[in-house]
PDB file of N, CA and C in Angstrom:
ATOM      1  N   GLY A   1     -99.701 227.367  50.221  1.00  0.00           N
ATOM      2  CA  GLY A   1     -98.737 226.455  49.510  1.00  0.00           C
ATOM      3  C   GLY A   1     -99.816 225.624  48.236  1.00  0.00           C
ATOM      4  N   PRO A   2     -99.428 224.987  47.422  1.00  0.00           N
ATOM      5  CA  PRO A   2     -99.802 224.326  45.968  1.00  0.00           C
ATOM      6  C   PRO A   2    -101.097 223.596  46.489  1.00  0.00           C
ATOM      7  N   GLU A   3    -100.934 222.989  47.687  1.00  0.00           N
ATOM      8  CA  GLU A   3    -101.946 221.851  48.196  1.00  0.00           C
ATOM      9  C   GLU A   3    -103.260 222.759  48.661  1.00  0.00           C
ATOM     10  N   THR A   4    -102.867 224.043  48.941  1.00  0.00           N
ATOM     11  CA  THR A   4    -104.105 224.668  49.672  1.00  0.00           C
ATOM     12  C   THR A   4    -105.035 225.493  48.541  1.00  0.00           C
ATOM     13  N   ALA A   5    -104.257 225.847  47.332  1.00  0.00           N
ATOM     14  CA  ALA A   5    -104.530 226.811  46.753  1.00  0.00           C
ATOM     15  C   ALA A   5    -105.885 226.102  45.868  1.00  0.00           C
ATOM     16  N   PRO A   6    -106.598 227.115  45.287  1.00  0.00           N
ATOM     17  CA  PRO A   6    -107.879 226.529  44.564  1.00  0.00           C
ATOM     18  C   PRO A   6    -107.153 225.780  43.554  1.00  0.00           C
ATOM     19  N   LEU A   7    -108.332 224.807  42.855  1.00  0.00           N
ATOM     20  CA  LEU A   7    -107.739 224.045  41.786  1.00  0.00           C
ATOM     21  C   LEU A   7    -107.625 225.127  40.681  1.00  0.00           C
ATOM     22  N   HIS A   8    -108.303 225.886  40.343  1.00  0.00           N
ATOM     23  CA  HIS A   8    -108.317 226.691  39.114  1.00  0.00           C
ATOM     24  C   HIS A   8    -107.202 227.539  38.947  1.00  0.00           C
ATOM     25  N   TRP A   9    -106.665 227.754  40.222  1.00  0.00           N
ATOM     26  CA  TRP A   9    -105.423 228.590  40.050  1.00  0.00           C
ATOM     27  C   TRP A   9    -104.331 227.716  39.109  1.00  0.00           C
ATOM     28  N   PRO A  10    -103.550 228.345  38.406  1.00  0.00           N
ATOM     29  CA  PRO A  10    -102.755 227.955  37.821  1.00  0.00           C
ATOM     30  C   PRO A  10    -101.188 227.374  38.372  1.00  0.00           C
ATOM     31  N   ARG A  11    -100.789 226.522  37.802  1.00  0.00           N
ATOM     32  CA  ARG A  11     -99.493 225.849  38.714  1.00  0.00           C
ATOM     33  C   ARG A  11     -98.078 226.140  37.733  1.00  0.00           C
ATOM     34  N   PHE A  12     -97.272 226.259  38.197  1.00  0.00           N
ATOM     35  CA  PHE A  12     -96.364 226.360  37.405  1.00  0.00           C
ATOM     36  C   PHE A  12     -94.609 226.349  38.637  1.00  0.00           C
ATOM     37  N   CYS A  13     -93.875 225.815  38.093  1.00  0.00           N
ATOM     38  CA  CYS A  13     -92.509 225.672  38.540  1.00  0.00           C
ATOM     39  C   CYS A  13     -91.735 226.962  38.387  1.00  0.00           C
ATOM     40  N   VAL A  14     -90.884 227.394  39.936  1.00  0.00           N
ATOM     41  CA  VAL A  14     -89.925 228.720  39.760  1.00  0.00           C
ATOM     42  C   VAL A  14     -88.881 227.890  40.152  1.00  0.00           C
ATOM     43  N   PRO A  15     -87.645 228.418  39.682  1.00  0.00           N
ATOM     44  CA  PRO A  15     -86.501 227.916  40.034  1.00  0.00           C
ATOM     45  C   PRO A  15     -86.197 229.119  41.498  1.00  0.00           C
ATOM     46  N   ILE A  16     -85.360 227.904  42.560  1.00  0.00           N
ATOM     47  CA  ILE A  16     -84.897 228.652  43.605  1.00  0.00           C
ATOM     48  C   ILE A  16     -83.562 229.228  43.639  1.00  0.00           C
ATOM     49  N   ILE A  17     -83.480 230.076  43.601  1.00  0.00           N
ATOM     50  CA  ILE A  17     -81.936 231.044  43.749  1.00  0.00           C
ATOM     51  C   ILE A  17     -81.821 231.327  44.892  1.00  0.00           C
ATOM     52  N   THR A  18     -80.508 231.828  45.456  1.00  0.00           N
ATOM     53  CA  THR A  18     -80.249 231.940  46.996  1.00  0.00           C
ATOM     54  C   THR A  18     -80.110 233.592  46.250  1.00  0.00           C
ATOM     55  N   VAL A  19     -80.242 234.608  47.773  1.00  0.00           N
ATOM     56  CA  VAL A  19     -79.604 235.893  47.907  1.00  0.00           C
ATOM     57  C   VAL A  19     -78.361 236.474  47.159  1.00  0.00           C
ATOM     58  N   ASP A  20     -77.768 235.031  48.253  1.00  0.00           N
ATOM     59  CA  ASP A  20     -75.958 235.442  48.090  1.00  0.00           C
ATOM     60  C   ASP A  20     -75.650 235.339  46.399  1.00  0.00           C
ATOM     61  N   SER A  21     -76.566 234.228  45.814  1.00  0.00           N
ATOM     62  CA  SER A  21     -76.151 234.484  44.238  1.00  0.00           C
ATOM     63  C   SER A  21     -76.680 235.664  43.623  1.00  0.00           C
ATOM     64  N   ILE A  22     -77.528 236.071  44.280  1.00  0.00           N
ATOM     65  CA  ILE A  22     -78.204 237.016  43.740  1.00  0.00           C
ATOM     66  C   ILE A  22     -77.290 238.826  43.841  1.00  0.00           C
ATOM     67  N   LEU A  23     -76.785 238.559  44.854  1.00  0.00           N
ATOM     68  CA  LEU A  23     -75.686 239.722  45.497  1.00  0.00           C
ATOM     69  C   LEU A  23     -73.983 239.316  45.038  1.00  0.00           C
ATOM     70  N   ALA A  24     -73.832 238.308  44.744  1.00  0.00           N
ATOM     71  CA  ALA A  24     -72.519 237.703  44.272  1.00  0.00           C
ATOM     72  C   ALA A  24     -72.522 238.955  42.972  1.00  0.00           C
ATOM     73  N   ASN A  25     -73.444 239.283  42.314  1.00  0.00           N
ATOM     74  CA  ASN A  25     -73.307 239.967  40.822  1.00  0.00           C
ATOM     75  C   ASN A  25     -73.187 241.486  41.144  1.00  0.00           C
ATOM     76  N   ARG A  26     -73.305 241.667  42.054  1.00  0.00           N
ATOM     77  CA  ARG A  26     -73.441 243.340  42.284  1.00  0.00           C
ATOM     78  C   ARG A  26     -72.233 243.944  42.265  1.00  0.00           C
ATOM     79  N   PRO A  27     -71.795 245.221  41.520  1.00  0.00           N
ATOM     80  CA  PRO A  27     -70.779 246.072  41.228  1.00  0.00           C
ATOM     81  C   PRO A  27     -70.302 246.275  42.771  1.00  0.00           C
ATOM     82  N   ASN A  28     -68.849 246.225  42.646  1.00  0.00           N
ATOM     83  CA  ASN A  28     -68.179 246.822  43.681  1.00  0.00           C
ATOM     84  C   ASN A  28     -68.931 246.830  44.993  1.00  0.00           C
ATOM     85  N   ARG A  29     -69.664 245.230  45.278  1.00  0.00           N
ATOM     86  CA  ARG A  29     -69.724 244.873  46.524  1.00  0.00           C
ATOM     87  C   ARG A  29     -70.295 246.346  47.073  1.00  0.00           C
ATOM     88  N   SER A  30     -71.220 246.851  46.400  1.00  0.00           N
ATOM     89  CA  SER A  30     -71.989 248.334  47.283  1.00  0.00           C
ATOM     90  C   SER A  30     -73.043 247.474  47.938  1.00  0.00           C
ATOM     91  N   ALA A  31     -73.753 248.072  49.105  1.00  0.00           N
ATOM     92  CA  ALA A  31     -74.697 248.221  49.538  1.00  0.00           C
ATOM     93  C   ALA A  31     -75.843 247.741  49.121  1.00  0.00           C
ATOM     94  N   ALA A  32     -76.503 247.078  49.582  1.00  0.00           N
ATOM     95  CA  ALA A  32     -77.771 246.431  48.773  1.00  0.00           C
ATOM     96  C   ALA A  32     -79.101 246.653  50.204  1.00  0.00           C
ATOM     97  N   LEU A  33     -80.418 246.692  50.051  1.00  0.00           N
ATOM     98  CA  LEU A  33     -81.576 246.999  50.659  1.00  0.00           C
ATOM     99  C   LEU A  33     -82.163 245.976  50.179  1.00  0.00           C
ATOM    100  N   VAL A  34     -81.995 244.155  51.329  1.00  0.00           N
ATOM    101  CA  VAL A  34     -82.721 243.120  50.780  1.00  0.00           C
ATOM    102  C   VAL A  34     -83.950 243.166  51.505  1.00  0.00           C
ATOM    103  N   LYS A  35     -85.102 242.978  50.732  1.00  0.00           N
ATOM    104  CA  LYS A  35     -86.505 242.822  51.064  1.00  0.00           C
ATOM    105  C   LYS A  35     -87.139 241.355  51.349  1.00  0.00           C
ATOM    106  N   ILE A  36     -87.316 240.792  52.471  1.00  0.00           N
ATOM    107  CA  ILE A  36     -87.821 239.215  52.050  1.00  0.00           C
ATOM    108  C   ILE A  36     -89.040 239.305  52.879  1.00  0.00           C
ATOM    109  N   ASP A  37     -89.922 239.098  51.674  1.00  0.00           N
ATOM    110  CA  ASP A  37     -91.158 238.759  52.020  1.00  0.00           C
ATOM    111  C   ASP A  37     -91.814 237.365  51.512  1.00  0.00           C
ATOM    112  N   VAL A  38     -92.283 236.323  52.325  1.00  0.00           N
ATOM    113  CA  VAL A  38     -92.346 235.190  51.653  1.00  0.00           C
ATOM    114  C   VAL A  38     -93.341 234.579  52.403  1.00  0.00           C
ATOM    115  N   ASP A  39     -93.875 235.202  53.383  1.00  0.00           N
ATOM    116  CA  ASP A  39     -94.796 234.394  54.068  1.00  0.00           C
ATOM    117  C   ASP A  39     -94.656 232.836  54.543  1.00  0.00           C
ATOM    118  N   GLY A  40     -93.793 232.792  55.242  1.00  0.00           N
ATOM    119  CA  GLY A  40     -93.403 231.832  56.250  1.00  0.00           C
ATOM    120  C   GLY A  40     -91.942 231.010  56.007  1.00  0.00           C
ATOM    121  N   PRO A  41     -91.508 231.257  55.494  1.00  0.00           N
ATOM    122  CA  PRO A  41     -90.093 230.239  55.031  1.00  0.00           C
ATOM    123  C   PRO A  41     -88.995 231.665  55.200  1.00  0.00           C
ATOM    124  N   GLU A  42     -89.056 232.392  55.931  1.00  0.00           N
ATOM    125  CA  GLU A  42     -87.965 233.649  56.107  1.00  0.00           C
ATOM    126  C   GLU A  42     -86.546 232.972  56.272  1.00  0.00           C
ATOM    127  N   LEU A  43     -86.976 232.191  57.131  1.00  0.00           N
ATOM    128  CA  LEU A  43     -85.293 231.664  57.918  1.00  0.00           C
ATOM    129  C   LEU A  43     -84.155 230.662  56.893  1.00  0.00           C
ATOM    130  N   SER A  44     -85.483 230.024  55.746  1.00  0.00           N
ATOM    131  CA  SER A  44     -84.404 229.208  54.431  1.00  0.00           C
ATOM    132  C   SER A  44     -84.336 230.413  53.757  1.00  0.00           C
ATOM    133  N   VAL A  45     -84.951 231.338  53.741  1.00  0.00           N
ATOM    134  CA  VAL A  45     -84.096 232.562  52.667  1.00  0.00           C
ATOM    135  C   VAL A  45     -83.172 233.280  53.545  1.00  0.00           C
ATOM    136  N   LEU A  46     -83.024 233.566  54.651  1.00  0.00           N
ATOM    137  CA  LEU A  46     -82.100 234.203  55.340  1.00  0.00           C
ATOM    138  C   LEU A  46     -80.718 233.189  55.344  1.00  0.00           C
ATOM    139  N   ALA A  47     -81.007 231.624  55.365  1.00  0.00           N
ATOM    140  CA  ALA A  47     -80.257 230.831  55.058  1.00  0.00           C
ATOM    141  C   ALA A  47     -79.154 230.896  54.134  1.00  0.00           C
ATOM    142  N   GLY A  48     -80.068 231.490  52.849  1.00  0.00           N
ATOM    143  CA  GLY A  48     -79.335 231.979  51.678  1.00  0.00           C
ATOM    144  C   GLY A  48     -78.640 232.979  51.421  1.00  0.00           C
ATOM    145  N   CYS A  49     -78.566 233.512  52.412  1.00  0.00           N
ATOM    146  CA  CYS A  49     -77.313 234.634  52.695  1.00  0.00           C
ATOM    147  C   CYS A  49     -76.550 234.966  53.553  1.00  0.00           C
ATOM    148  N   GLU A  50     -75.984 233.107  53.898  1.00  0.00           N
ATOM    149  CA  GLU A  50     -75.000 233.331  54.893  1.00  0.00           C
ATOM    150  C   GLU A  50     -74.212 234.025  54.312  1.00  0.00           C
ATOM    151  N   GLU A  51     -73.451 233.902  53.130  1.00  0.00           N
ATOM    152  CA  GLU A  51     -72.120 234.710  52.421  1.00  0.00           C
ATOM    153  C   GLU A  51     -72.189 235.916  52.192  1.00  0.00           C
ATOM    154  N   SER A  52     -73.354 236.520  51.790  1.00  0.00           N
ATOM    155  CA  SER A  52     -73.812 237.752  52.091  1.00  0.00           C
ATOM    156  C   SER A  52     -73.621 238.637  53.520  1.00  0.00           C
ATOM    157  N   LEU A  53     -74.483 238.502  54.155  1.00  0.00           N
ATOM    158  CA  LEU A  53     -74.324 238.594  55.610  1.00  0.00           C
ATOM    159  C   LEU A  53     -72.868 239.525  56.144  1.00  0.00           C
ATOM    160  N   GLY A  54     -73.268 240.681  56.219  1.00  0.00           N
ATOM    161  CA  GLY A  54     -72.091 242.048  56.531  1.00  0.00           C
ATOM    162  C   GLY A  54     -71.014 242.196  55.697  1.00  0.00           C
ATOM    163  N   LEU A  55     -70.757 241.816  54.431  1.00  0.00           N
ATOM    164  CA  LEU A  55     -70.118 242.028  53.593  1.00  0.00           C
ATOM    165  C   LEU A  55     -69.791 243.251  53.143  1.00  0.00           C
ATOM    166  N   ALA A  56     -71.181 244.103  52.613  1.00  0.00           N
ATOM    167  CA  ALA A  56     -71.163 245.429  52.606  1.00  0.00           C
ATOM    168  C   ALA A  56     -72.184 246.285  53.085  1.00  0.00           C
ATOM    169  N   GLY A  57     -72.213 246.078  54.407  1.00  0.00           N
ATOM    170  CA  GLY A  57     -73.259 247.065  54.956  1.00  0.00           C
ATOM    171  C   GLY A  57     -74.783 247.055  54.730  1.00  0.00           C
ATOM    172  N   ASP A  58     -75.237 245.432  53.941  1.00  0.00           N
ATOM    173  CA  ASP A  58     -76.532 245.620  53.514  1.00  0.00           C
ATOM    174  C   ASP A  58     -77.545 245.871  54.481  1.00  0.00           C
ATOM    175  N   VAL A  59     -78.667 246.188  54.109  1.00  0.00           N
ATOM    176  CA  VAL A  59     -79.922 246.583  54.824  1.00  0.00           C
ATOM    177  C   VAL A  59     -80.801 245.563  54.842  1.00  0.00           C
ATOM    178  N   TYR A  60     -81.360 244.816  55.784  1.00  0.00           N
ATOM    179  CA  TYR A  60     -82.323 243.347  55.872  1.00  0.00           C
ATOM    180  C   TYR A  60     -83.597 243.953  56.153  1.00  0.00           C
ATOM    181  N   LEU A  61     -84.754 244.219  55.200  1.00  0.00           N
ATOM    182  CA  LEU A  61     -86.500 244.288  55.819  1.00  0.00           C
ATOM    183  C   LEU A  61     -86.864 242.932  55.375  1.00  0.00           C
ATOM    184  N   VAL A  62     -87.280 242.479  56.572  1.00  0.00           N
ATOM    185  CA  VAL A  62     -87.928 241.510  56.445  1.00  0.00           C
ATOM    186  C   VAL A  62     -89.538 241.240  57.282  1.00  0.00           C
ATOM    187  N   GLU A  63     -90.235 241.091  56.529  1.00  0.00           N
ATOM    188  CA  GLU A  63     -91.665 240.744  56.710  1.00  0.00           C
ATOM    189  C   GLU A  63     -91.754 239.370  57.681  1.00  0.00           C
ATOM    190  N   ALA A  64     -92.372 240.139  58.796  1.00  0.00           N
ATOM    191  CA  ALA A  64     -92.568 238.891  59.720  1.00  0.00           C
ATOM    192  C   ALA A  64     -93.980 238.794  60.294  1.00  0.00           C
ATOM    193  N   ALA A  65     -94.239 237.965  60.943  1.00  0.00           N
ATOM    194  CA  ALA A  65     -95.674 237.407  61.433  1.00  0.00           C
ATOM    195  C   ALA A  65     -95.426 237.329  62.951  1.00  0.00           C
ATOM    196  N   LEU A  66     -96.589 237.693  63.822  1.00  0.00           N
ATOM    197  CA  LEU A  66     -96.068 237.206  64.934  1.00  0.00           C
ATOM    198  C   LEU A  66     -96.926 236.083  65.560  1.00  0.00           C
ATOM    199  N   LEU A  67     -97.823 236.024  65.307  1.00  0.00           N
ATOM    200  CA  LEU A  67     -99.019 234.736  65.929  1.00  0.00           C
ATOM    201  C   LEU A  67     -99.262 233.804  65.019  1.00  0.00           C
ATOM    202  N   ASP A  68     -98.827 233.786  63.594  1.00  0.00           N
ATOM    203  CA  ASP A  68     -99.358 232.383  62.805  1.00  0.00           C
ATOM    204  C   ASP A  68     -98.417 231.100  63.311  1.00  0.00           C
ATOM    205  N   THR A  69     -97.641 231.423  64.023  1.00  0.00           N
ATOM    206  CA  THR A  69     -96.967 229.802  64.284  1.00  0.00           C
ATOM    207  C   THR A  69     -97.070 230.141  65.849  1.00  0.00           C
ATOM    208  N   GLU A  70     -96.863 228.723  66.743  1.00  0.00           N
ATOM    209  CA  GLU A  70     -96.932 228.854  68.266  1.00  0.00           C
ATOM    210  C   GLU A  70     -95.564 229.760  68.996  1.00  0.00           C
ATOM    211  N   ARG A  71     -94.842 229.902  68.395  1.00  0.00           N
ATOM    212  CA  ARG A  71     -93.599 230.639  68.796  1.00  0.00           C
ATOM    213  C   ARG A  71     -93.433 232.114  68.223  1.00  0.00           C
ATOM    214  N   GLY A  72     -93.875 232.063  66.854  1.00  0.00           N
ATOM    215  CA  GLY A  72     -94.035 233.520  66.498  1.00  0.00           C
ATOM    216  C   GLY A  72     -92.500 233.564  65.678  1.00  0.00           C
ATOM    217  N   ARG A  73     -92.760 233.656  64.268  1.00  0.00           N
ATOM    218  CA  ARG A  73     -91.366 233.770  63.659  1.00  0.00           C
ATOM    219  C   ARG A  73     -90.506 234.693  64.182  1.00  0.00           C
ATOM    220  N   ILE A  74     -90.949 235.725  64.465  1.00  0.00           N
ATOM    221  CA  ILE A  74     -90.220 237.167  64.523  1.00  0.00           C
ATOM    222  C   ILE A  74     -89.335 237.009  65.283  1.00  0.00           C
ATOM    223  N   GLY A  75     -89.562 236.486  66.675  1.00  0.00           N
ATOM    224  CA  GLY A  75     -88.342 235.604  67.490  1.00  0.00           C
ATOM    225  C   GLY A  75     -87.202 234.957  66.789  1.00  0.00           C
ATOM    226  N   GLU A  76     -87.372 234.454  66.088  1.00  0.00           N
ATOM    227  CA  GLU A  76     -86.473 233.349  65.430  1.00  0.00           C
ATOM    228  C   GLU A  76     -85.835 234.262  64.451  1.00  0.00           C
ATOM    229  N   ILE A  77     -86.034 234.887  63.894  1.00  0.00           N
ATOM    230  CA  ILE A  77     -85.644 235.627  62.644  1.00  0.00           C
ATOM    231  C   ILE A  77     -84.717 237.157  63.546  1.00  0.00           C
ATOM    232  N   ILE A  78     -85.287 237.610  65.024  1.00  0.00           N
ATOM    233  CA  ILE A  78     -84.056 238.126  65.682  1.00  0.00           C
ATOM    234  C   ILE A  78     -82.663 237.776  65.752  1.00  0.00           C
ATOM    235  N   SER A  79     -83.118 236.510  66.151  1.00  0.00           N
ATOM    236  CA  SER A  79     -82.071 235.573  67.114  1.00  0.00           C
ATOM    237  C   SER A  79     -81.182 235.243  65.884  1.00  0.00           C
ATOM    238  N   PHE A  80     -81.651 234.794  64.671  1.00  0.00           N
ATOM    239  CA  PHE A  80     -80.659 234.371  63.397  1.00  0.00           C
ATOM    240  C   PHE A  80     -79.895 235.955  63.485  1.00  0.00           C
ATOM    241  N   MET A  81     -80.352 237.055  62.915  1.00  0.00           N
ATOM    242  CA  MET A  81     -79.889 237.784  62.400  1.00  0.00           C
ATOM    243  C   MET A  81     -78.665 238.615  63.787  1.00  0.00           C
ATOM    244  N   THR A  82     -79.274 238.403  65.047  1.00  0.00           N
ATOM    245  CA  THR A  82     -78.460 239.002  65.700  1.00  0.00           C
ATOM    246  C   THR A  82     -76.965 237.824  65.655  1.00  0.00           C
ATOM    247  N   SER A  83     -77.327 236.642  65.297  1.00  0.00           N
ATOM    248  CA  SER A  83     -76.150 235.645  65.770  1.00  0.00           C
ATOM    249  C   SER A  83     -74.847 236.034  64.811  1.00  0.00           C
ATOM    250  N   ARG A  84     -75.604 236.669  63.575  1.00  0.00           N
ATOM    251  CA  ARG A  84     -74.550 237.005  62.369  1.00  0.00           C
ATOM    252  C   ARG A  84     -74.450 238.555  62.335  1.00  0.00           C
ATOM    253  N   GLY A  85     -74.275 239.201  63.434  1.00  0.00           N
ATOM    254  CA  GLY A  85     -73.938 240.210  63.662  1.00  0.00           C
ATOM    255  C   GLY A  85     -74.114 241.618  63.280  1.00  0.00           C
ATOM    256  N   TYR A  86     -76.009 241.495  63.195  1.00  0.00           N
ATOM    257  CA  TYR A  86     -76.753 242.639  62.651  1.00  0.00           C
ATOM    258  C   TYR A  86     -77.917 242.576  63.945  1.00  0.00           C
ATOM    259  N   GLU A  87     -78.524 244.204  63.953  1.00  0.00           N
ATOM    260  CA  GLU A  87     -79.100 244.537  65.042  1.00  0.00           C
ATOM    261  C   GLU A  87     -80.666 244.880  64.558  1.00  0.00           C
ATOM    262  N   LEU A  88     -81.778 244.605  64.967  1.00  0.00           N
ATOM    263  CA  LEU A  88     -83.110 244.950  64.857  1.00  0.00           C
ATOM    264  C   LEU A  88     -82.748 246.497  64.865  1.00  0.00           C
ATOM    265  N   PHE A  89     -83.094 247.237  63.861  1.00  0.00           N
ATOM    266  CA  PHE A  89     -83.045 248.939  63.949  1.00  0.00           C
ATOM    267  C   PHE A  89     -84.832 249.406  63.801  1.00  0.00           C
ATOM    268  N   ASP A  90     -85.309 249.194  63.488  1.00  0.00           N
ATOM    269  CA  ASP A  90     -86.772 249.845  63.305  1.00  0.00           C
ATOM    270  C   ASP A  90     -88.013 248.359  62.633  1.00  0.00           C
ATOM    271  N   LEU A  91     -88.913 249.050  63.285  1.00  0.00           N
ATOM    272  CA  LEU A  91     -90.173 247.875  63.127  1.00  0.00           C
ATOM    273  C   LEU A  91     -91.091 248.800  62.387  1.00  0.00           C
ATOM    274  N   ILE A  92     -91.598 248.696  61.402  1.00  0.00           N
ATOM    275  CA  ILE A  92     -92.522 249.595  60.345  1.00  0.00           C
ATOM    276  C   ILE A  92     -93.646 248.503  59.576  1.00  0.00           C
ATOM    277  N   GLU A  93     -94.380 249.353  58.881  1.00  0.00           N
ATOM    278  CA  GLU A  93     -95.510 248.687  58.479  1.00  0.00           C
ATOM    279  C   GLU A  93     -96.436 247.562  59.195  1.00  0.00           C
ATOM    280  N   PRO A  94     -96.996 248.030  60.686  1.00  0.00           N
ATOM    281  CA  PRO A  94     -97.858 246.884  61.351  1.00  0.00           C
ATOM    282  C   PRO A  94     -98.971 246.824  60.570  1.00  0.00           C
ATOM    283  N   LEU A  95     -99.492 245.462  60.748  1.00  0.00           N
ATOM    284  CA  LEU A  95    -100.713 244.903  60.263  1.00  0.00           C
ATOM    285  C   LEU A  95    -101.407 244.586  61.360  1.00  0.00           C
ATOM    286  N   TYR A  96    -102.645 244.769  61.425  1.00  0.00           N
ATOM    287  CA  TYR A  96    -103.687 244.249  62.596  1.00  0.00           C
ATOM    288  C   TYR A  96    -104.432 243.000  62.387  1.00  0.00           C
ATOM    289  N   ARG A  97    -104.594 242.360  62.928  1.00  0.00           N
ATOM    290  CA  ARG A  97    -105.812 241.336  62.669  1.00  0.00           C
ATOM    291  C   ARG A  97    -106.807 242.085  62.758  1.00  0.00           C
ATOM    292  N   PRO A  98    -107.609 241.695  61.452  1.00  0.00           N
ATOM    293  CA  PRO A  98    -109.338 242.973  61.522  1.00  0.00           C
ATOM    294  C   PRO A  98    -109.986 242.397  63.009  1.00  0.00           C
ATOM    295  N   SER A  99    -110.242 241.117  63.226  1.00  0.00           N
ATOM    296  CA  SER A  99    -111.161 240.339  64.360  1.00  0.00           C
ATOM    297  C   SER A  99    -111.132 241.371  65.355  1.00  0.00           C
ATOM    298  N   ASP A 100    -109.553 241.568  65.834  1.00  0.00           N
ATOM    299  CA  ASP A 100    -109.313 242.439  67.422  1.00  0.00           C
ATOM    300  C   ASP A 100    -108.545 243.382  67.489  1.00  0.00           C
ATOM    301  N   ARG A 101    -107.884 243.627  66.313  1.00  0.00           N
ATOM    302  CA  ARG A 101    -107.030 244.786  66.289  1.00  0.00           C
ATOM    303  C   ARG A 101    -105.448 244.173  66.943  1.00  0.00           C
ATOM    304  N   VAL A 102    -105.606 243.184  67.183  1.00  0.00           N
ATOM    305  CA  VAL A 102    -104.055 242.313  67.773  1.00  0.00           C
ATOM    306  C   VAL A 102    -102.821 242.897  66.668  1.00  0.00           C
ATOM    307  N   LEU A 103    -101.757 242.959  67.037  1.00  0.00           N
ATOM    308  CA  LEU A 103    -100.679 243.420  65.741  1.00  0.00           C
ATOM    309  C   LEU A 103    -100.522 242.043  65.399  1.00  0.00           C
ATOM    310  N   TRP A 104    -100.281 241.436  64.028  1.00  0.00           N
ATOM    311  CA  TRP A 104    -100.177 240.380  63.394  1.00  0.00           C
ATOM    312  C   TRP A 104     -99.139 240.076  62.870  1.00  0.00           C
ATOM    313  N   GLN A 105     -98.861 241.047  62.208  1.00  0.00           N
ATOM    314  CA  GLN A 105     -96.999 241.322  61.603  1.00  0.00           C
ATOM    315  C   GLN A 105     -96.407 242.607  61.162  1.00  0.00           C
ATOM    316  N   LEU A 106     -95.643 242.683  60.776  1.00  0.00           N
ATOM    317  CA  LEU A 106     -94.954 243.740  61.151  1.00  0.00           C
ATOM    318  C   LEU A 106     -93.563 243.750  60.095  1.00  0.00           C
ATOM    319  N   ASP A 107     -92.769 244.964  59.612  1.00  0.00           N
ATOM    320  CA  ASP A 107     -91.493 244.508  58.655  1.00  0.00           C
ATOM    321  C   ASP A 107     -90.628 244.718  59.795  1.00  0.00           C
ATOM    322  N   ALA A 108     -89.664 244.042  59.615  1.00  0.00           N
ATOM    323  CA  ALA A 108     -88.600 244.612  60.729  1.00  0.00           C
ATOM    324  C   ALA A 108     -87.182 244.591  59.774  1.00  0.00           C
ATOM    325  N   ILE A 109     -86.416 245.975  60.456  1.00  0.00           N
ATOM    326  CA  ILE A 109     -85.397 246.213  59.463  1.00  0.00           C
ATOM    327  C   ILE A 109     -84.030 246.221  60.369  1.00  0.00           C
ATOM    328  N   PHE A 110     -83.117 245.337  59.636  1.00  0.00           N
ATOM    329  CA  PHE A 110     -81.919 244.833  60.209  1.00  0.00           C
ATOM    330  C   PHE A 110     -80.818 245.790  59.895  1.00  0.00           C
ATOM    331  N   VAL A 111     -79.964 245.880  60.372  1.00  0.00           N
ATOM    332  CA  VAL A 111     -78.581 246.983  60.068  1.00  0.00           C
ATOM    333  C   VAL A 111     -77.225 245.881  60.905  1.00  0.00           C
ATOM    334  N   PRO A 112     -76.205 246.088  60.005  1.00  0.00           N
ATOM    335  CA  PRO A 112     -75.048 245.179  60.602  1.00  0.00           C
ATOM    336  C   PRO A 112     -74.879 246.353  61.735  1.00  0.00           C
ATOM    337  N   ARG A 113     -74.625 245.743  62.852  1.00  0.00           N
ATOM    338  CA  ARG A 113     -73.955 246.075  64.051  1.00  0.00           C
ATOM    339  C   ARG A 113     -73.460 247.608  64.104  1.00  0.00           C
ATOM    340  N   SER A 114     -72.161 247.288  62.902  1.00  0.00           N
ATOM    341  CA  SER A 114     -71.018 248.664  62.883  1.00  0.00           C
ATOM    342  C   SER A 114     -71.905 249.459  62.000  1.00  0.00           C
ATOM    343  N   SER A 115     -73.180 249.537  61.727  1.00  0.00           N
ATOM    344  CA  SER A 115     -73.432 250.365  60.615  1.00  0.00           C
ATOM    345  C   SER A 115     -73.759 251.863  61.140  1.00  0.00           C
ATOM    346  N   TYR A 116     -73.174 252.720  60.044  1.00  0.00           N
ATOM    347  CA  TYR A 116     -73.361 254.180  60.560  1.00  0.00           C
ATOM    348  C   TYR A 116     -74.993 255.005  61.417  1.00  0.00           C
ATOM    349  N   ALA A 117     -75.791 254.171  61.195  1.00  0.00           N
ATOM    350  CA  ALA A 117     -77.078 254.091  61.595  1.00  0.00           C
ATOM    351  C   ALA A 117     -77.237 254.064  62.782  1.00  0.00           C
ATOM    352  N   ARG A 118     -76.333 253.263  63.425  1.00  0.00           N
ATOM    353  CA  ARG A 118     -76.408 253.064  65.114  1.00  0.00           C
ATOM    354  C   ARG A 118     -75.141 253.480  65.867  1.00  0.00           C
ATOM    355  N   ALA A 119     -74.378 254.408  64.896  1.00  0.00           N
ATOM    356  CA  ALA A 119     -72.988 255.085  65.613  1.00  0.00           C
ATOM    357  C   ALA A 119     -73.674 256.368  66.742  1.00  0.00           C
ATOM    358  N   ASP A 120     -74.881 256.679  66.539  1.00  0.00           N
ATOM    359  CA  ASP A 120     -75.050 257.486  67.879  1.00  0.00           C
ATOM    360  C   ASP A 120     -76.250 256.977  68.579  1.00  0.00           C
ATOM    361  N   ARG A 121     -75.855 256.822  69.681  1.00  0.00           N
ATOM    362  CA  ARG A 121     -76.698 256.127  70.448  1.00  0.00           C
ATOM    363  C   ARG A 121     -77.008 256.881  71.662  1.00  0.00           C
ATOM    364  N   SER A 122     -77.124 258.226  71.562  1.00  0.00           N
ATOM    365  CA  SER A 122     -77.650 258.741  72.612  1.00  0.00           C
ATOM    366  C   SER A 122     -79.430 258.850  72.817  1.00  0.00           C
ATOM    367  N   TYR A 123     -79.633 259.605  73.723  1.00  0.00           N
ATOM    368  CA  TYR A 123     -81.511 259.661  73.591  1.00  0.00           C
ATOM    369  C   TYR A 123     -81.452 260.896  73.131  1.00  0.00           C
ATOM    370  N   SER A 124     -80.484 261.767  73.584  1.00  0.00           N
ATOM    371  CA  SER A 124     -81.188 263.330  73.466  1.00  0.00           C
ATOM    372  C   SER A 124     -80.955 263.443  71.537  1.00  0.00           C
TER     373      SER A 124
END
């Protein structure tokens, strides 16, 4: 945050808009890929998706850390998404802590529970 940034870094204000406000203007309610990479406030960003979640089969890719807080944000993100009709579909882009190679963060891909991507649940 600004309180920890070096003093010589420029400071400026960025307007806050919700994902819902961005997606509201898409043509024909076509499906979107929503990438969330905010280094901390993922749940706040997801709260700004409440109206859009599930409307058009959107896919959400959320970068999430596993060890940067006591509980790890990934569990909270999964809980948020599953309670809104999404399921974890894949985990990609693992990043390992350099000091001991422990998994630090990853990108979690969520699709609607009814998505065609989940239609075949067989193992073969």
